[in-house]
Amino acid sequence: MNILLLLFLSLLQLISAAKSGTYNAGWPVAGTWVATDTVFARETGIDKYRFTKADGLIYTYQLDINVAEVQGSFGSTYVFYETTDEYYLTVFTRGVHTINFNTQDPYILQVKIVEG
């Protein structure tokens, strides 16, 4: 019985971590929707993004992502890296999700996905 439980927990860990990883993005401020390549979309679930300069009072940039496929059984957290900082966005559903932030270097270098 203990062996089956251990095997089940190991399998569950493998499944939940299957697509976790960090992927190169190279996203400049574009202002319009930009499609991601097929490998990036398959591995992260993000099929397009829009990175714009915002006119907000608090935040100067806005990143919208379209999640075509939610990664993980209980959603996932995306980490967006630029040269000086990182920004976290947790999603549970498909569709457009938005994160606003301030930065001195508006260029997303990498996207990390951590499945929930």
PDB file of N, CA and C in Angstrom:
ATOM      1  N   MET A   1       0.819  -1.191   0.000  1.00  0.00           N
ATOM      2  CA  MET A   1       0.000   0.000   0.000  1.00  0.00           C
ATOM      3  C   MET A   1       0.870   1.264   0.000  1.00  0.00           C
ATOM      4  N   ASN A   2       1.924   1.274   0.822  1.00  0.00           N
ATOM      5  CA  ASN A   2       2.813   2.435   0.875  1.00  0.00           C
ATOM      6  C   ASN A   2       3.538   2.639  -0.446  1.00  0.00           C
ATOM      7  N   ILE A   3       3.876   1.547  -1.103  1.00  0.00           N
ATOM      8  CA  ILE A   3       4.568   1.647  -2.392  1.00  0.00           C
ATOM      9  C   ILE A   3       3.651   2.273  -3.429  1.00  0.00           C
ATOM     10  N   LEU A   4       2.377   1.888  -3.436  1.00  0.00           N
ATOM     11  CA  LEU A   4       1.427   2.470  -4.379  1.00  0.00           C
ATOM     12  C   LEU A   4       1.230   3.963  -4.121  1.00  0.00           C
ATOM     13  N   LEU A   5       1.155   4.336  -2.870  1.00  0.00           N
ATOM     14  CA  LEU A   5       1.012   5.742  -2.529  1.00  0.00           C
ATOM     15  C   LEU A   5       2.239   6.538  -2.973  1.00  0.00           C
ATOM     16  N   LEU A   6       3.411   6.007  -2.730  1.00  0.00           N
ATOM     17  CA  LEU A   6       4.647   6.661  -3.149  1.00  0.00           C
ATOM     18  C   LEU A   6       4.709   6.781  -4.669  1.00  0.00           C
ATOM     19  N   LEU A   7       4.330   5.733  -5.367  1.00  0.00           N
ATOM     20  CA  LEU A   7       4.318   5.746  -6.830  1.00  0.00           C
ATOM     21  C   LEU A   7       3.326   6.786  -7.345  1.00  0.00           C
ATOM     22  N   PHE A   8       2.147   6.834  -6.739  1.00  0.00           N
ATOM     23  CA  PHE A   8       1.132   7.807  -7.137  1.00  0.00           C
ATOM     24  C   PHE A   8       1.627   9.239  -6.925  1.00  0.00           C
ATOM     25  N   LEU A   9       2.218   9.521  -5.783  1.00  0.00           N
ATOM     26  CA  LEU A   9       2.725  10.866  -5.502  1.00  0.00           C
ATOM     27  C   LEU A   9       3.860  11.252  -6.441  1.00  0.00           C
ATOM     28  N   SER A  10       4.709  10.308  -6.775  1.00  0.00           N
ATOM     29  CA  SER A  10       5.801  10.574  -7.718  1.00  0.00           C
ATOM     30  C   SER A  10       5.253  10.893  -9.097  1.00  0.00           C
ATOM     31  N   LEU A  11       4.259  10.131  -9.524  1.00  0.00           N
ATOM     32  CA  LEU A  11       3.641  10.369 -10.824  1.00  0.00           C
ATOM     33  C   LEU A  11       2.942  11.723 -10.850  1.00  0.00           C
ATOM     34  N   LEU A  12       2.251  12.062  -9.783  1.00  0.00           N
ATOM     35  CA  LEU A  12       1.579  13.351  -9.690  1.00  0.00           C
ATOM     36  C   LEU A  12       2.580  14.499  -9.777  1.00  0.00           C
ATOM     37  N   GLN A  13       3.723  14.355  -9.155  1.00  0.00           N
ATOM     38  CA  GLN A  13       4.761  15.382  -9.210  1.00  0.00           C
ATOM     39  C   GLN A  13       5.300  15.519 -10.630  1.00  0.00           C
ATOM     40  N   LEU A  14       5.500  14.420 -11.322  1.00  0.00           N
ATOM     41  CA  LEU A  14       5.979  14.476 -12.702  1.00  0.00           C
ATOM     42  C   LEU A  14       4.981  15.162 -13.612  1.00  0.00           C
ATOM     43  N   ILE A  15       3.706  14.849 -13.437  1.00  0.00           N
ATOM     44  CA  ILE A  15       2.680  15.446 -14.275  1.00  0.00           C
ATOM     45  C   ILE A  15       2.595  16.946 -14.034  1.00  0.00           C
ATOM     46  N   SER A  16       2.605  17.359 -12.788  1.00  0.00           N
ATOM     47  CA  SER A  16       2.452  18.782 -12.481  1.00  0.00           C
ATOM     48  C   SER A  16       3.665  19.602 -12.881  1.00  0.00           C
ATOM     49  N   ALA A  17       4.828  18.999 -12.999  1.00  0.00           N
ATOM     50  CA  ALA A  17       6.041  19.731 -13.362  1.00  0.00           C
ATOM     51  C   ALA A  17       6.425  19.540 -14.819  1.00  0.00           C
ATOM     52  N   ALA A  18       5.576  18.901 -15.594  1.00  0.00           N
ATOM     53  CA  ALA A  18       5.929  18.534 -16.958  1.00  0.00           C
ATOM     54  C   ALA A  18       6.300  19.731 -17.818  1.00  0.00           C
ATOM     55  N   LYS A  19       5.552  20.824 -17.724  1.00  0.00           N
ATOM     56  CA  LYS A  19       5.819  21.964 -18.584  1.00  0.00           C
ATOM     57  C   LYS A  19       6.413  23.152 -17.840  1.00  0.00           C
ATOM     58  N   SER A  20       6.734  22.983 -16.577  1.00  0.00           N
ATOM     59  CA  SER A  20       7.362  24.079 -15.849  1.00  0.00           C
ATOM     60  C   SER A  20       8.734  24.349 -16.447  1.00  0.00           C
ATOM     61  N   GLY A  21       9.058  25.603 -16.612  1.00  0.00           N
ATOM     62  CA  GLY A  21      10.356  25.937 -17.171  1.00  0.00           C
ATOM     63  C   GLY A  21      10.436  27.405 -17.519  1.00  0.00           C
ATOM     64  N   THR A  22      11.599  27.816 -17.995  1.00  0.00           N
ATOM     65  CA  THR A  22      11.838  29.196 -18.390  1.00  0.00           C
ATOM     66  C   THR A  22      12.093  29.233 -19.889  1.00  0.00           C
ATOM     67  N   TYR A  23      11.451  30.176 -20.557  1.00  0.00           N
ATOM     68  CA  TYR A  23      11.509  30.252 -22.012  1.00  0.00           C
ATOM     69  C   TYR A  23      11.913  31.654 -22.439  1.00  0.00           C
ATOM     70  N   ASN A  24      12.746  31.749 -23.473  1.00  0.00           N
ATOM     71  CA  ASN A  24      13.154  33.041 -24.009  1.00  0.00           C
ATOM     72  C   ASN A  24      11.964  33.704 -24.680  1.00  0.00           C
ATOM     73  N   ALA A  25      11.800  35.003 -24.424  1.00  0.00           N
ATOM     74  CA  ALA A  25      10.671  35.730 -24.995  1.00  0.00           C
ATOM     75  C   ALA A  25      11.149  36.781 -26.002  1.00  0.00           C
ATOM     76  N   GLY A  26      11.926  37.754 -25.551  1.00  0.00           N
ATOM     77  CA  GLY A  26      12.371  38.822 -26.441  1.00  0.00           C
ATOM     78  C   GLY A  26      11.227  39.722 -26.873  1.00  0.00           C
ATOM     79  N   TRP A  27      10.425  40.185 -25.909  1.00  0.00           N
ATOM     80  CA  TRP A  27       9.251  40.992 -26.211  1.00  0.00           C
ATOM     81  C   TRP A  27       9.522  42.472 -25.982  1.00  0.00           C
ATOM     82  N   PRO A  28       9.599  43.270 -27.058  1.00  0.00           N
ATOM     83  CA  PRO A  28       9.700  44.720 -26.895  1.00  0.00           C
ATOM     84  C   PRO A  28       8.297  45.320 -26.763  1.00  0.00           C
ATOM     85  N   VAL A  29       8.232  46.587 -26.416  1.00  0.00           N
ATOM     86  CA  VAL A  29       6.951  47.283 -26.421  1.00  0.00           C
ATOM     87  C   VAL A  29       6.481  47.333 -27.869  1.00  0.00           C
ATOM     88  N   ALA A  30       5.286  46.804 -28.123  1.00  0.00           N
ATOM     89  CA  ALA A  30       4.798  46.714 -29.493  1.00  0.00           C
ATOM     90  C   ALA A  30       3.523  47.522 -29.712  1.00  0.00           C
ATOM     91  N   GLY A  31       2.653  47.577 -28.713  1.00  0.00           N
ATOM     92  CA  GLY A  31       1.420  48.335 -28.855  1.00  0.00           C
ATOM     93  C   GLY A  31       0.281  47.578 -29.514  1.00  0.00           C
ATOM     94  N   THR A  32       0.596  46.486 -30.201  1.00  0.00           N
ATOM     95  CA  THR A  32      -0.435  45.664 -30.842  1.00  0.00           C
ATOM     96  C   THR A  32      -0.240  44.207 -30.428  1.00  0.00           C
ATOM     97  N   TRP A  33      -1.247  43.392 -30.700  1.00  0.00           N
ATOM     98  CA  TRP A  33      -1.133  41.967 -30.389  1.00  0.00           C
ATOM     99  C   TRP A  33      -0.091  41.321 -31.290  1.00  0.00           C
ATOM    100  N   VAL A  34       0.775  40.513 -30.681  1.00  0.00           N
ATOM    101  CA  VAL A  34       1.831  39.802 -31.405  1.00  0.00           C
ATOM    102  C   VAL A  34       1.684  38.317 -31.095  1.00  0.00           C
ATOM    103  N   ALA A  35       1.642  37.498 -32.141  1.00  0.00           N
ATOM    104  CA  ALA A  35       1.531  36.048 -31.948  1.00  0.00           C
ATOM    105  C   ALA A  35       2.872  35.477 -31.509  1.00  0.00           C
ATOM    106  N   THR A  36       2.828  34.514 -30.595  1.00  0.00           N
ATOM    107  CA  THR A  36       4.048  33.811 -30.192  1.00  0.00           C
ATOM    108  C   THR A  36       4.273  32.648 -31.150  1.00  0.00           C
ATOM    109  N   ASP A  37       5.483  32.113 -31.167  1.00  0.00           N
ATOM    110  CA  ASP A  37       5.727  30.971 -32.045  1.00  0.00           C
ATOM    111  C   ASP A  37       5.052  29.723 -31.474  1.00  0.00           C
ATOM    112  N   THR A  38       4.925  28.701 -32.304  1.00  0.00           N
ATOM    113  CA  THR A  38       4.157  27.507 -31.924  1.00  0.00           C
ATOM    114  C   THR A  38       4.773  26.755 -30.751  1.00  0.00           C
ATOM    115  N   VAL A  39       6.095  26.708 -30.665  1.00  0.00           N
ATOM    116  CA  VAL A  39       6.744  26.006 -29.549  1.00  0.00           C
ATOM    117  C   VAL A  39       6.476  26.748 -28.242  1.00  0.00           C
ATOM    118  N   PHE A  40       6.640  28.064 -28.256  1.00  0.00           N
ATOM    119  CA  PHE A  40       6.380  28.871 -27.064  1.00  0.00           C
ATOM    120  C   PHE A  40       4.925  28.715 -26.629  1.00  0.00           C
ATOM    121  N   ALA A  41       4.002  28.772 -27.579  1.00  0.00           N
ATOM    122  CA  ALA A  41       2.574  28.632 -27.264  1.00  0.00           C
ATOM    123  C   ALA A  41       2.268  27.255 -26.684  1.00  0.00           C
ATOM    124  N   ARG A  42       2.853  26.228 -27.242  1.00  0.00           N
ATOM    125  CA  ARG A  42       2.613  24.867 -26.749  1.00  0.00           C
ATOM    126  C   ARG A  42       3.162  24.683 -25.339  1.00  0.00           C
ATOM    127  N   GLU A  43       4.341  25.216 -25.072  1.00  0.00           N
ATOM    128  CA  GLU A  43       4.987  25.006 -23.777  1.00  0.00           C
ATOM    129  C   GLU A  43       4.440  25.903 -22.666  1.00  0.00           C
ATOM    130  N   THR A  44       3.978  27.101 -23.014  1.00  0.00           N
ATOM    131  CA  THR A  44       3.524  28.045 -21.990  1.00  0.00           C
ATOM    132  C   THR A  44       2.018  28.256 -21.970  1.00  0.00           C
ATOM    133  N   GLY A  45       1.353  27.967 -23.075  1.00  0.00           N
ATOM    134  CA  GLY A  45      -0.075  28.240 -23.183  1.00  0.00           C
ATOM    135  C   GLY A  45      -0.376  29.648 -23.667  1.00  0.00           C
ATOM    136  N   ILE A  46       0.655  30.501 -23.790  1.00  0.00           N
ATOM    137  CA  ILE A  46       0.466  31.887 -24.249  1.00  0.00           C
ATOM    138  C   ILE A  46       0.602  31.910 -25.767  1.00  0.00           C
ATOM    139  N   ASP A  47      -0.493  32.252 -26.465  1.00  0.00           N
ATOM    140  CA  ASP A  47      -0.419  32.261 -27.923  1.00  0.00           C
ATOM    141  C   ASP A  47      -0.246  33.659 -28.521  1.00  0.00           C
ATOM    142  N   LYS A  48      -0.465  34.706 -27.710  1.00  0.00           N
ATOM    143  CA  LYS A  48      -0.186  36.067 -28.175  1.00  0.00           C
ATOM    144  C   LYS A  48      -0.059  36.996 -26.973  1.00  0.00           C
ATOM    145  N   TYR A  49       0.574  38.140 -27.209  1.00  0.00           N
ATOM    146  CA  TYR A  49       0.775  39.132 -26.149  1.00  0.00           C
ATOM    147  C   TYR A  49       0.668  40.534 -26.738  1.00  0.00           C
ATOM    148  N   ARG A  50       0.438  41.489 -25.855  1.00  0.00           N
ATOM    149  CA  ARG A  50       0.437  42.906 -26.228  1.00  0.00           C
ATOM    150  C   ARG A  50       1.149  43.653 -25.105  1.00  0.00           C
ATOM    151  N   PHE A  51       2.242  44.315 -25.436  1.00  0.00           N
ATOM    152  CA  PHE A  51       3.056  45.040 -24.460  1.00  0.00           C
ATOM    153  C   PHE A  51       2.992  46.513 -24.840  1.00  0.00           C
ATOM    154  N   THR A  52       2.370  47.333 -23.984  1.00  0.00           N
ATOM    155  CA  THR A  52       2.131  48.728 -24.330  1.00  0.00           C
ATOM    156  C   THR A  52       2.600  49.678 -23.233  1.00  0.00           C
ATOM    157  N   LYS A  53       2.856  50.910 -23.652  1.00  0.00           N
ATOM    158  CA  LYS A  53       3.112  51.982 -22.688  1.00  0.00           C
ATOM    159  C   LYS A  53       1.746  52.444 -22.213  1.00  0.00           C
ATOM    160  N   ALA A  54       1.538  52.413 -20.905  1.00  0.00           N
ATOM    161  CA  ALA A  54       0.237  52.753 -20.329  1.00  0.00           C
ATOM    162  C   ALA A  54       0.166  54.235 -19.986  1.00  0.00           C
ATOM    163  N   ASP A  55      -1.045  54.749 -19.938  1.00  0.00           N
ATOM    164  CA  ASP A  55      -1.266  56.144 -19.563  1.00  0.00           C
ATOM    165  C   ASP A  55      -1.755  56.261 -18.125  1.00  0.00           C
ATOM    166  N   GLY A  56      -1.472  55.246 -17.321  1.00  0.00           N
ATOM    167  CA  GLY A  56      -1.966  55.234 -15.946  1.00  0.00           C
ATOM    168  C   GLY A  56      -1.238  56.205 -15.036  1.00  0.00           C
ATOM    169  N   LEU A  57      -1.862  56.498 -13.917  1.00  0.00           N
ATOM    170  CA  LEU A  57      -1.264  57.395 -12.932  1.00  0.00           C
ATOM    171  C   LEU A  57      -0.180  56.704 -12.117  1.00  0.00           C
ATOM    172  N   ILE A  58      -0.305  55.389 -11.951  1.00  0.00           N
ATOM    173  CA  ILE A  58       0.641  54.649 -11.118  1.00  0.00           C
ATOM    174  C   ILE A  58       1.626  53.847 -11.959  1.00  0.00           C
ATOM    175  N   TYR A  59       1.121  53.100 -12.925  1.00  0.00           N
ATOM    176  CA  TYR A  59       1.970  52.201 -13.712  1.00  0.00           C
ATOM    177  C   TYR A  59       2.189  52.743 -15.118  1.00  0.00           C
ATOM    178  N   THR A  60       3.395  52.541 -15.636  1.00  0.00           N
ATOM    179  CA  THR A  60       3.742  53.082 -16.949  1.00  0.00           C
ATOM    180  C   THR A  60       3.680  52.061 -18.076  1.00  0.00           C
ATOM    181  N   TYR A  61       3.609  50.763 -17.751  1.00  0.00           N
ATOM    182  CA  TYR A  61       3.552  49.735 -18.790  1.00  0.00           C
ATOM    183  C   TYR A  61       2.488  48.704 -18.469  1.00  0.00           C
ATOM    184  N   GLN A  62       1.925  48.139 -19.543  1.00  0.00           N
ATOM    185  CA  GLN A  62       0.905  47.103 -19.396  1.00  0.00           C
ATOM    186  C   GLN A  62       1.248  45.940 -20.316  1.00  0.00           C
ATOM    187  N   LEU A  63       1.192  44.737 -19.765  1.00  0.00           N
ATOM    188  CA  LEU A  63       1.416  43.520 -20.537  1.00  0.00           C
ATOM    189  C   LEU A  63       0.144  42.692 -20.483  1.00  0.00           C
ATOM    190  N   ASP A  64      -0.430  42.440 -21.659  1.00  0.00           N
ATOM    191  CA  ASP A  64      -1.592  41.568 -21.785  1.00  0.00           C
ATOM    192  C   ASP A  64      -1.127  40.275 -22.434  1.00  0.00           C
ATOM    193  N   ILE A  65      -1.577  39.146 -21.900  1.00  0.00           N
ATOM    194  CA  ILE A  65      -1.285  37.859 -22.529  1.00  0.00           C
ATOM    195  C   ILE A  65      -2.597  37.146 -22.787  1.00  0.00           C
ATOM    196  N   ASN A  66      -2.651  36.405 -23.869  1.00  0.00           N
ATOM    197  CA  ASN A  66      -3.803  35.557 -24.137  1.00  0.00           C
ATOM    198  C   ASN A  66      -3.393  34.120 -23.850  1.00  0.00           C
ATOM    199  N   VAL A  67      -4.022  33.540 -22.846  1.00  0.00           N
ATOM    200  CA  VAL A  67      -3.731  32.161 -22.469  1.00  0.00           C
ATOM    201  C   VAL A  67      -4.719  31.266 -23.211  1.00  0.00           C
ATOM    202  N   ALA A  68      -4.210  30.524 -24.189  1.00  0.00           N
ATOM    203  CA  ALA A  68      -5.052  29.624 -24.974  1.00  0.00           C
ATOM    204  C   ALA A  68      -5.265  28.299 -24.259  1.00  0.00           C
ATOM    205  N   GLU A  69      -4.287  27.915 -23.441  1.00  0.00           N
ATOM    206  CA  GLU A  69      -4.369  26.653 -22.702  1.00  0.00           C
ATOM    207  C   GLU A  69      -3.732  26.854 -21.330  1.00  0.00           C
ATOM    208  N   VAL A  70      -4.532  26.655 -20.282  1.00  0.00           N
ATOM    209  CA  VAL A  70      -4.022  26.790 -18.919  1.00  0.00           C
ATOM    210  C   VAL A  70      -3.114  25.606 -18.620  1.00  0.00           C
ATOM    211  N   GLN A  71      -1.946  25.900 -18.098  1.00  0.00           N
ATOM    212  CA  GLN A  71      -0.976  24.863 -17.758  1.00  0.00           C
ATOM    213  C   GLN A  71      -1.194  24.424 -16.319  1.00  0.00           C
ATOM    214  N   GLY A  72      -1.150  23.138 -16.059  1.00  0.00           N
ATOM    215  CA  GLY A  72      -1.307  22.643 -14.699  1.00  0.00           C
ATOM    216  C   GLY A  72      -2.758  22.393 -14.339  1.00  0.00           C
ATOM    217  N   SER A  73      -2.959  21.570 -13.358  1.00  0.00           N
ATOM    218  CA  SER A  73      -4.303  21.194 -12.925  1.00  0.00           C
ATOM    219  C   SER A  73      -5.023  22.322 -12.207  1.00  0.00           C
ATOM    220  N   PHE A  74      -4.282  23.158 -11.504  1.00  0.00           N
ATOM    221  CA  PHE A  74      -4.879  24.215 -10.701  1.00  0.00           C
ATOM    222  C   PHE A  74      -4.399  25.586 -11.145  1.00  0.00           C
ATOM    223  N   GLY A  75      -4.182  25.776 -12.426  1.00  0.00           N
ATOM    224  CA  GLY A  75      -3.685  27.038 -12.932  1.00  0.00           C
ATOM    225  C   GLY A  75      -2.170  27.088 -12.889  1.00  0.00           C
ATOM    226  N   SER A  76      -1.641  28.269 -13.167  1.00  0.00           N
ATOM    227  CA  SER A  76      -0.191  28.421 -13.176  1.00  0.00           C
ATOM    228  C   SER A  76       0.175  29.870 -12.897  1.00  0.00           C
ATOM    229  N   THR A  77       1.422  30.058 -12.522  1.00  0.00           N
ATOM    230  CA  THR A  77       1.963  31.394 -12.299  1.00  0.00           C
ATOM    231  C   THR A  77       3.017  31.658 -13.362  1.00  0.00           C
ATOM    232  N   TYR A  78       2.885  32.792 -14.030  1.00  0.00           N
ATOM    233  CA  TYR A  78       3.875  33.225 -15.006  1.00  0.00           C
ATOM    234  C   TYR A  78       4.777  34.250 -14.336  1.00  0.00           C
ATOM    235  N   VAL A  79       6.066  34.142 -14.603  1.00  0.00           N
ATOM    236  CA  VAL A  79       7.034  35.128 -14.126  1.00  0.00           C
ATOM    237  C   VAL A  79       7.653  35.754 -15.366  1.00  0.00           C
ATOM    238  N   PHE A  80       7.522  37.059 -15.496  1.00  0.00           N
ATOM    239  CA  PHE A  80       8.064  37.786 -16.638  1.00  0.00           C
ATOM    240  C   PHE A  80       9.332  38.499 -16.177  1.00  0.00           C
ATOM    241  N   TYR A  81      10.446  38.197 -16.839  1.00  0.00           N
ATOM    242  CA  TYR A  81      11.744  38.761 -16.462  1.00  0.00           C
ATOM    243  C   TYR A  81      12.157  39.836 -17.452  1.00  0.00           C
ATOM    244  N   GLU A  82      12.632  40.958 -16.918  1.00  0.00           N
ATOM    245  CA  GLU A  82      13.330  41.954 -17.720  1.00  0.00           C
ATOM    246  C   GLU A  82      14.680  42.179 -17.061  1.00  0.00           C
ATOM    247  N   THR A  83      15.468  43.119 -17.512  1.00  0.00           N
ATOM    248  CA  THR A  83      16.850  43.210 -17.031  1.00  0.00           C
ATOM    249  C   THR A  83      16.974  43.529 -15.552  1.00  0.00           C
ATOM    250  N   THR A  84      16.017  44.244 -14.982  1.00  0.00           N
ATOM    251  CA  THR A  84      16.165  44.667 -13.590  1.00  0.00           C
ATOM    252  C   THR A  84      15.132  44.101 -12.630  1.00  0.00           C
ATOM    253  N   ASP A  85      14.077  43.482 -13.126  1.00  0.00           N
ATOM    254  CA  ASP A  85      13.010  43.052 -12.228  1.00  0.00           C
ATOM    255  C   ASP A  85      12.268  41.860 -12.801  1.00  0.00           C
ATOM    256  N   GLU A  86      11.313  41.365 -12.020  1.00  0.00           N
ATOM    257  CA  GLU A  86      10.457  40.262 -12.444  1.00  0.00           C
ATOM    258  C   GLU A  86       9.044  40.544 -11.964  1.00  0.00           C
ATOM    259  N   TYR A  87       8.081  40.069 -12.737  1.00  0.00           N
ATOM    260  CA  TYR A  87       6.673  40.345 -12.454  1.00  0.00           C
ATOM    261  C   TYR A  87       5.901  39.033 -12.487  1.00  0.00           C
ATOM    262  N   TYR A  88       5.014  38.840 -11.517  1.00  0.00           N
ATOM    263  CA  TYR A  88       4.282  37.584 -11.351  1.00  0.00           C
ATOM    264  C   TYR A  88       2.816  37.771 -11.718  1.00  0.00           C
ATOM    265  N   LEU A  89       2.272  36.781 -12.425  1.00  0.00           N
ATOM    266  CA  LEU A  89       0.865  36.781 -12.807  1.00  0.00           C
ATOM    267  C   LEU A  89       0.343  35.356 -12.688  1.00  0.00           C
ATOM    268  N   THR A  90      -0.668  35.150 -11.842  1.00  0.00           N
ATOM    269  CA  THR A  90      -1.264  33.832 -11.665  1.00  0.00           C
ATOM    270  C   THR A  90      -2.567  33.771 -12.450  1.00  0.00           C
ATOM    271  N   VAL A  91      -2.743  32.698 -13.224  1.00  0.00           N
ATOM    272  CA  VAL A  91      -3.957  32.533 -14.028  1.00  0.00           C
ATOM    273  C   VAL A  91      -4.597  31.183 -13.737  1.00  0.00           C
ATOM    274  N   PHE A  92      -5.920  31.164 -13.787  1.00  0.00           N
ATOM    275  CA  PHE A  92      -6.682  29.938 -13.572  1.00  0.00           C
ATOM    276  C   PHE A  92      -7.567  29.596 -14.763  1.00  0.00           C
ATOM    277  N   THR A  93      -7.766  30.565 -15.661  1.00  0.00           N
ATOM    278  CA  THR A  93      -8.673  30.370 -16.788  1.00  0.00           C
ATOM    279  C   THR A  93      -8.013  30.797 -18.092  1.00  0.00           C
ATOM    280  N   ARG A  94      -8.593  30.349 -19.186  1.00  0.00           N
ATOM    281  CA  ARG A  94      -8.151  30.808 -20.501  1.00  0.00           C
ATOM    282  C   ARG A  94      -8.600  32.248 -20.706  1.00  0.00           C
ATOM    283  N   GLY A  95      -7.992  32.899 -21.690  1.00  0.00           N
ATOM    284  CA  GLY A  95      -8.400  34.259 -22.029  1.00  0.00           C
ATOM    285  C   GLY A  95      -7.308  35.271 -21.773  1.00  0.00           C
ATOM    286  N   VAL A  96      -7.688  36.535 -21.833  1.00  0.00           N
ATOM    287  CA  VAL A  96      -6.739  37.639 -21.693  1.00  0.00           C
ATOM    288  C   VAL A  96      -6.529  37.955 -20.212  1.00  0.00           C
ATOM    289  N   HIS A  97      -5.265  38.072 -19.842  1.00  0.00           N
ATOM    290  CA  HIS A  97      -4.867  38.421 -18.479  1.00  0.00           C
ATOM    291  C   HIS A  97      -3.891  39.586 -18.569  1.00  0.00           C
ATOM    292  N   THR A  98      -3.943  40.487 -17.594  1.00  0.00           N
ATOM    293  CA  THR A  98      -3.183  41.733 -17.651  1.00  0.00           C
ATOM    294  C   THR A  98      -2.351  41.927 -16.395  1.00  0.00           C
ATOM    295  N   ILE A  99      -1.159  42.463 -16.595  1.00  0.00           N
ATOM    296  CA  ILE A  99      -0.311  42.877 -15.481  1.00  0.00           C
ATOM    297  C   ILE A  99       0.237  44.261 -15.816  1.00  0.00           C
ATOM    298  N   ASN A 100       0.230  45.151 -14.838  1.00  0.00           N
ATOM    299  CA  ASN A 100       0.740  46.513 -14.992  1.00  0.00           C
ATOM    300  C   ASN A 100       1.952  46.688 -14.095  1.00  0.00           C
ATOM    301  N   PHE A 101       2.938  47.455 -14.570  1.00  0.00           N
ATOM    302  CA  PHE A 101       4.155  47.647 -13.787  1.00  0.00           C
ATOM    303  C   PHE A 101       4.928  48.855 -14.281  1.00  0.00           C
ATOM    304  N   ASN A 102       5.918  49.248 -13.507  1.00  0.00           N
ATOM    305  CA  ASN A 102       6.852  50.311 -13.874  1.00  0.00           C
ATOM    306  C   ASN A 102       8.204  49.681 -14.162  1.00  0.00           C
ATOM    307  N   THR A 103       8.906  50.222 -15.137  1.00  0.00           N
ATOM    308  CA  THR A 103      10.234  49.722 -15.465  1.00  0.00           C
ATOM    309  C   THR A 103      11.040  50.807 -16.169  1.00  0.00           C
ATOM    310  N   GLN A 104      12.353  50.713 -16.040  1.00  0.00           N
ATOM    311  CA  GLN A 104      13.259  51.598 -16.769  1.00  0.00           C
ATOM    312  C   GLN A 104      13.701  50.966 -18.087  1.00  0.00           C
ATOM    313  N   ASP A 105      13.498  49.654 -18.219  1.00  0.00           N
ATOM    314  CA  ASP A 105      13.929  48.921 -19.413  1.00  0.00           C
ATOM    315  C   ASP A 105      12.784  48.029 -19.892  1.00  0.00           C
ATOM    316  N   PRO A 106      11.864  48.559 -20.687  1.00  0.00           N
ATOM    317  CA  PRO A 106      10.672  47.817 -21.087  1.00  0.00           C
ATOM    318  C   PRO A 106      10.947  46.768 -22.172  1.00  0.00           C
ATOM    319  N   TYR A 107      11.475  45.643 -21.755  1.00  0.00           N
ATOM    320  CA  TYR A 107      11.776  44.549 -22.679  1.00  0.00           C
ATOM    321  C   TYR A 107      11.715  43.247 -21.883  1.00  0.00           C
ATOM    322  N   ILE A 108      10.795  42.374 -22.222  1.00  0.00           N
ATOM    323  CA  ILE A 108      10.645  41.105 -21.516  1.00  0.00           C
ATOM    324  C   ILE A 108      11.627  40.104 -22.115  1.00  0.00           C
ATOM    325  N   LEU A 109      12.601  39.698 -21.317  1.00  0.00           N
ATOM    326  CA  LEU A 109      13.631  38.768 -21.774  1.00  0.00           C
ATOM    327  C   LEU A 109      13.154  37.324 -21.764  1.00  0.00           C
ATOM    328  N   GLN A 110      12.542  36.919 -20.650  1.00  0.00           N
ATOM    329  CA  GLN A 110      12.147  35.522 -20.471  1.00  0.00           C
ATOM    330  C   GLN A 110      10.807  35.426 -19.764  1.00  0.00           C
ATOM    331  N   VAL A 111      10.157  34.285 -19.970  1.00  0.00           N
ATOM    332  CA  VAL A 111       8.919  33.964 -19.271  1.00  0.00           C
ATOM    333  C   VAL A 111       9.114  32.609 -18.612  1.00  0.00           C
ATOM    334  N   LYS A 112       8.839  32.573 -17.323  1.00  0.00           N
ATOM    335  CA  LYS A 112       8.915  31.312 -16.577  1.00  0.00           C
ATOM    336  C   LYS A 112       7.496  30.909 -16.215  1.00  0.00           C
ATOM    337  N   ILE A 113       7.222  29.627 -16.324  1.00  0.00           N
ATOM    338  CA  ILE A 113       5.914  29.124 -15.935  1.00  0.00           C
ATOM    339  C   ILE A 113       6.087  28.138 -14.794  1.00  0.00           C
ATOM    340  N   VAL A 114       5.285  28.329 -13.764  1.00  0.00           N
ATOM    341  CA  VAL A 114       5.287  27.436 -12.609  1.00  0.00           C
ATOM    342  C   VAL A 114       3.863  26.926 -12.462  1.00  0.00           C
ATOM    343  N   GLU A 115       3.678  25.647 -12.705  1.00  0.00           N
ATOM    344  CA  GLU A 115       2.336  25.077 -12.647  1.00  0.00           C
ATOM    345  C   GLU A 115       1.874  24.919 -11.218  1.00  0.00           C
ATOM    346  N   GLY A 116       0.575  25.168 -11.014  1.00  0.00           N
ATOM    347  CA  GLY A 116      -0.006  25.051  -9.684  1.00  0.00           C
ATOM    348  C   GLY A 116      -0.484  23.670  -9.349  1.00  0.00           C
TER     349      GLY A 116
END
